[in-house]
Amino acid sequence: MTTPETATYPPADDRLKHLLAQEINLSVDTWKLAFWIADGIVKSPEIRAELERIADAHHTGQPCGDRHCAHCFEAQTAPAAG
């Protein structure tokens, strides 16, 4: 059993939602609205599938195809070794 001293916040299963809400909160009036929007994003099957696709591509060393991915952009624009 976890005690308040040993519990982590946010819980592991809510970290993505909290990170999204922090970013959204910069553009909306209330934290409650930001958290509600983030909850909808995290629960979207299409978004979850895309996150898994990107993670799988990165795990296998393939470019993910997202033009905003700094890692893949750097890998595609780096001069070839040799």
N, C-alpha and C. Protein backbone atom coordinates (compact mmCIF):
# COMPACT_ATOMS: atom_id res chain seq x y z
N MET A 1 0.85 -1.18 0.00
CA MET A 1 0.00 0.00 0.00
C MET A 1 0.89 1.24 0.00
N THR A 2 0.56 2.21 -0.83
CA THR A 2 1.36 3.43 -0.87
C THR A 2 0.81 4.44 0.12
N THR A 3 1.70 5.15 0.71
CA THR A 3 1.33 6.22 1.62
C THR A 3 1.52 7.53 0.88
N PRO A 4 0.97 8.62 1.38
CA PRO A 4 1.18 9.91 0.71
C PRO A 4 2.64 10.25 0.52
N GLU A 5 3.49 9.76 1.43
CA GLU A 5 4.92 10.06 1.31
C GLU A 5 5.58 9.30 0.16
N THR A 6 5.06 8.09 -0.15
CA THR A 6 5.68 7.27 -1.20
C THR A 6 4.95 7.34 -2.52
N ALA A 7 3.76 7.87 -2.56
CA ALA A 7 2.99 7.96 -3.80
C ALA A 7 3.62 9.02 -4.71
N THR A 8 3.59 8.75 -6.00
CA THR A 8 4.08 9.74 -6.95
C THR A 8 2.90 10.48 -7.56
N TYR A 9 3.12 11.73 -7.88
CA TYR A 9 2.08 12.52 -8.51
C TYR A 9 2.66 13.19 -9.73
N PRO A 10 2.04 13.14 -10.86
CA PRO A 10 0.80 12.41 -11.11
C PRO A 10 1.05 10.92 -11.20
N PRO A 11 0.00 10.12 -11.00
CA PRO A 11 0.16 8.68 -11.13
C PRO A 11 0.68 8.33 -12.52
N ALA A 12 1.39 7.22 -12.64
CA ALA A 12 2.02 6.84 -13.91
C ALA A 12 1.03 6.84 -15.07
N ASP A 13 -0.21 6.40 -14.83
CA ASP A 13 -1.17 6.32 -15.91
C ASP A 13 -1.77 7.68 -16.28
N ASP A 14 -1.48 8.71 -15.52
CA ASP A 14 -2.00 10.05 -15.81
C ASP A 14 -0.91 11.03 -16.26
N ARG A 15 0.32 10.60 -16.40
CA ARG A 15 1.40 11.53 -16.71
C ARG A 15 1.21 12.21 -18.06
N LEU A 16 0.81 11.44 -19.08
CA LEU A 16 0.59 12.04 -20.39
C LEU A 16 -0.50 13.11 -20.31
N LYS A 17 -1.58 12.79 -19.62
CA LYS A 17 -2.67 13.76 -19.48
C LYS A 17 -2.20 15.02 -18.76
N HIS A 18 -1.40 14.87 -17.74
CA HIS A 18 -0.90 16.03 -17.00
C HIS A 18 0.06 16.87 -17.85
N LEU A 19 0.93 16.20 -18.60
CA LEU A 19 1.85 16.95 -19.47
C LEU A 19 1.08 17.74 -20.53
N LEU A 20 0.10 17.10 -21.14
CA LEU A 20 -0.71 17.79 -22.13
C LEU A 20 -1.47 18.96 -21.50
N ALA A 21 -2.05 18.73 -20.34
CA ALA A 21 -2.81 19.79 -19.68
C ALA A 21 -1.92 20.98 -19.33
N GLN A 22 -0.69 20.73 -18.94
CA GLN A 22 0.23 21.83 -18.64
C GLN A 22 0.46 22.69 -19.88
N GLU A 23 0.63 22.07 -21.02
CA GLU A 23 0.85 22.82 -22.25
C GLU A 23 -0.42 23.55 -22.69
N ILE A 24 -1.55 22.86 -22.61
CA ILE A 24 -2.84 23.46 -23.00
C ILE A 24 -3.17 24.63 -22.08
N ASN A 25 -2.83 24.51 -20.81
CA ASN A 25 -3.17 25.54 -19.83
C ASN A 25 -2.56 26.89 -20.18
N LEU A 26 -1.52 26.90 -20.98
CA LEU A 26 -0.92 28.17 -21.40
C LEU A 26 -1.84 28.95 -22.35
N SER A 27 -2.80 28.25 -22.95
CA SER A 27 -3.65 28.87 -23.97
C SER A 27 -5.12 28.96 -23.60
N VAL A 28 -5.51 28.46 -22.44
CA VAL A 28 -6.91 28.51 -22.04
C VAL A 28 -7.04 29.21 -20.69
N ASP A 29 -8.28 29.50 -20.31
CA ASP A 29 -8.52 30.30 -19.11
C ASP A 29 -8.38 29.54 -17.79
N THR A 30 -8.69 28.25 -17.80
CA THR A 30 -8.69 27.52 -16.53
C THR A 30 -7.97 26.19 -16.65
N TRP A 31 -7.41 25.74 -15.52
CA TRP A 31 -6.77 24.44 -15.45
C TRP A 31 -7.80 23.34 -15.69
N LYS A 32 -9.02 23.53 -15.21
CA LYS A 32 -10.07 22.52 -15.38
C LYS A 32 -10.35 22.30 -16.87
N LEU A 33 -10.41 23.36 -17.65
CA LEU A 33 -10.62 23.23 -19.09
C LEU A 33 -9.43 22.53 -19.75
N ALA A 34 -8.24 22.91 -19.36
CA ALA A 34 -7.03 22.28 -19.92
C ALA A 34 -7.02 20.79 -19.61
N PHE A 35 -7.38 20.42 -18.40
CA PHE A 35 -7.39 19.02 -18.01
C PHE A 35 -8.47 18.25 -18.76
N TRP A 36 -9.63 18.86 -18.99
CA TRP A 36 -10.72 18.23 -19.73
C TRP A 36 -10.30 17.98 -21.18
N ILE A 37 -9.66 18.95 -21.81
CA ILE A 37 -9.18 18.79 -23.19
C ILE A 37 -8.12 17.68 -23.24
N ALA A 38 -7.18 17.72 -22.32
CA ALA A 38 -6.13 16.70 -22.29
C ALA A 38 -6.71 15.31 -22.09
N ASP A 39 -7.73 15.18 -21.27
CA ASP A 39 -8.37 13.89 -21.04
C ASP A 39 -8.95 13.35 -22.35
N GLY A 40 -9.58 14.21 -23.14
CA GLY A 40 -10.13 13.79 -24.42
C GLY A 40 -9.04 13.35 -25.39
N ILE A 41 -7.92 14.04 -25.37
CA ILE A 41 -6.80 13.68 -26.25
C ILE A 41 -6.25 12.31 -25.85
N VAL A 42 -6.02 12.10 -24.58
CA VAL A 42 -5.43 10.85 -24.09
C VAL A 42 -6.36 9.66 -24.36
N LYS A 43 -7.65 9.88 -24.32
CA LYS A 43 -8.60 8.78 -24.52
C LYS A 43 -8.91 8.52 -26.00
N SER A 44 -8.41 9.34 -26.90
CA SER A 44 -8.69 9.17 -28.32
C SER A 44 -7.95 7.94 -28.87
N PRO A 45 -8.67 6.97 -29.43
CA PRO A 45 -8.00 5.79 -29.98
C PRO A 45 -7.07 6.13 -31.14
N GLU A 46 -7.42 7.12 -31.93
CA GLU A 46 -6.58 7.51 -33.06
C GLU A 46 -5.25 8.10 -32.58
N ILE A 47 -5.32 8.93 -31.56
CA ILE A 47 -4.09 9.54 -31.03
C ILE A 47 -3.24 8.48 -30.34
N ARG A 48 -3.85 7.59 -29.58
CA ARG A 48 -3.09 6.52 -28.92
C ARG A 48 -2.40 5.64 -29.96
N ALA A 49 -3.10 5.33 -31.05
CA ALA A 49 -2.51 4.50 -32.11
C ALA A 49 -1.33 5.22 -32.76
N GLU A 50 -1.45 6.51 -32.96
CA GLU A 50 -0.34 7.27 -33.57
C GLU A 50 0.85 7.34 -32.63
N LEU A 51 0.61 7.53 -31.35
CA LEU A 51 1.71 7.54 -30.38
C LEU A 51 2.43 6.18 -30.38
N GLU A 52 1.67 5.11 -30.45
CA GLU A 52 2.27 3.77 -30.49
C GLU A 52 3.05 3.57 -31.78
N ARG A 53 2.53 4.05 -32.91
CA ARG A 53 3.23 3.92 -34.18
C ARG A 53 4.57 4.65 -34.14
N ILE A 54 4.56 5.87 -33.61
CA ILE A 54 5.79 6.65 -33.50
C ILE A 54 6.79 5.95 -32.57
N ALA A 55 6.31 5.47 -31.43
CA ALA A 55 7.19 4.77 -30.49
C ALA A 55 7.78 3.52 -31.12
N ASP A 56 6.96 2.76 -31.85
CA ASP A 56 7.46 1.55 -32.52
C ASP A 56 8.53 1.89 -33.55
N ALA A 57 8.31 2.95 -34.32
CA ALA A 57 9.30 3.37 -35.33
C ALA A 57 10.61 3.75 -34.64
N HIS A 58 10.54 4.52 -33.59
CA HIS A 58 11.75 4.92 -32.87
C HIS A 58 12.45 3.71 -32.26
N HIS A 59 11.66 2.78 -31.74
CA HIS A 59 12.24 1.59 -31.11
C HIS A 59 13.03 0.75 -32.12
N THR A 60 12.56 0.71 -33.35
CA THR A 60 13.25 -0.08 -34.38
C THR A 60 14.28 0.74 -35.14
N GLY A 61 14.48 2.00 -34.75
CA GLY A 61 15.48 2.84 -35.40
C GLY A 61 15.05 3.42 -36.73
N GLN A 62 13.77 3.41 -37.00
CA GLN A 62 13.23 3.95 -38.24
C GLN A 62 12.72 5.38 -38.00
N PRO A 63 12.76 6.23 -39.03
CA PRO A 63 12.17 7.56 -38.86
C PRO A 63 10.65 7.42 -38.71
N CYS A 64 10.09 8.25 -37.87
CA CYS A 64 8.65 8.13 -37.59
C CYS A 64 7.79 8.83 -38.63
N GLY A 65 8.38 9.72 -39.41
CA GLY A 65 7.60 10.42 -40.42
C GLY A 65 6.94 11.69 -39.93
N ASP A 66 7.11 12.02 -38.67
CA ASP A 66 6.54 13.26 -38.12
C ASP A 66 7.54 14.39 -38.35
N ARG A 67 7.14 15.38 -39.10
CA ARG A 67 8.08 16.47 -39.44
C ARG A 67 8.47 17.32 -38.24
N HIS A 68 7.77 17.17 -37.13
CA HIS A 68 8.10 17.93 -35.93
C HIS A 68 8.94 17.14 -34.94
N CYS A 69 9.34 15.94 -35.32
CA CYS A 69 10.17 15.10 -34.44
C CYS A 69 11.63 15.52 -34.62
N ALA A 70 12.18 16.16 -33.62
CA ALA A 70 13.55 16.67 -33.71
C ALA A 70 14.56 15.56 -33.95
N HIS A 71 14.39 14.42 -33.29
CA HIS A 71 15.32 13.31 -33.44
C HIS A 71 15.35 12.82 -34.89
N CYS A 72 14.19 12.59 -35.47
CA CYS A 72 14.13 12.09 -36.85
C CYS A 72 14.61 13.14 -37.84
N PHE A 73 14.30 14.40 -37.59
CA PHE A 73 14.75 15.47 -38.47
C PHE A 73 16.27 15.54 -38.49
N GLU A 74 16.87 15.48 -37.30
CA GLU A 74 18.33 15.52 -37.21
C GLU A 74 18.96 14.31 -37.89
N ALA A 75 18.36 13.14 -37.72
CA ALA A 75 18.90 11.92 -38.33
C ALA A 75 18.81 11.99 -39.85
N GLN A 76 17.75 12.59 -40.38
CA GLN A 76 17.57 12.66 -41.84
C GLN A 76 18.44 13.73 -42.47
N THR A 77 18.80 14.76 -41.71
CA THR A 77 19.58 15.86 -42.27
C THR A 77 21.06 15.79 -41.92
N ALA A 78 21.43 14.84 -41.06
CA ALA A 78 22.85 14.70 -40.69
C ALA A 78 23.64 14.17 -41.88
N PRO A 79 24.88 14.66 -42.05
CA PRO A 79 25.69 14.12 -43.13
C PRO A 79 25.99 12.64 -42.90
N ALA A 80 26.05 11.90 -43.99
CA ALA A 80 26.31 10.46 -43.91
C ALA A 80 27.71 10.20 -43.38
N ALA A 81 27.83 9.25 -42.49
CA ALA A 81 29.14 8.89 -41.95
C ALA A 81 29.92 8.09 -42.99
N GLY A 82 31.20 8.31 -43.06
CA GLY A 82 31.97 7.51 -43.99
C GLY A 82 32.85 8.32 -44.76
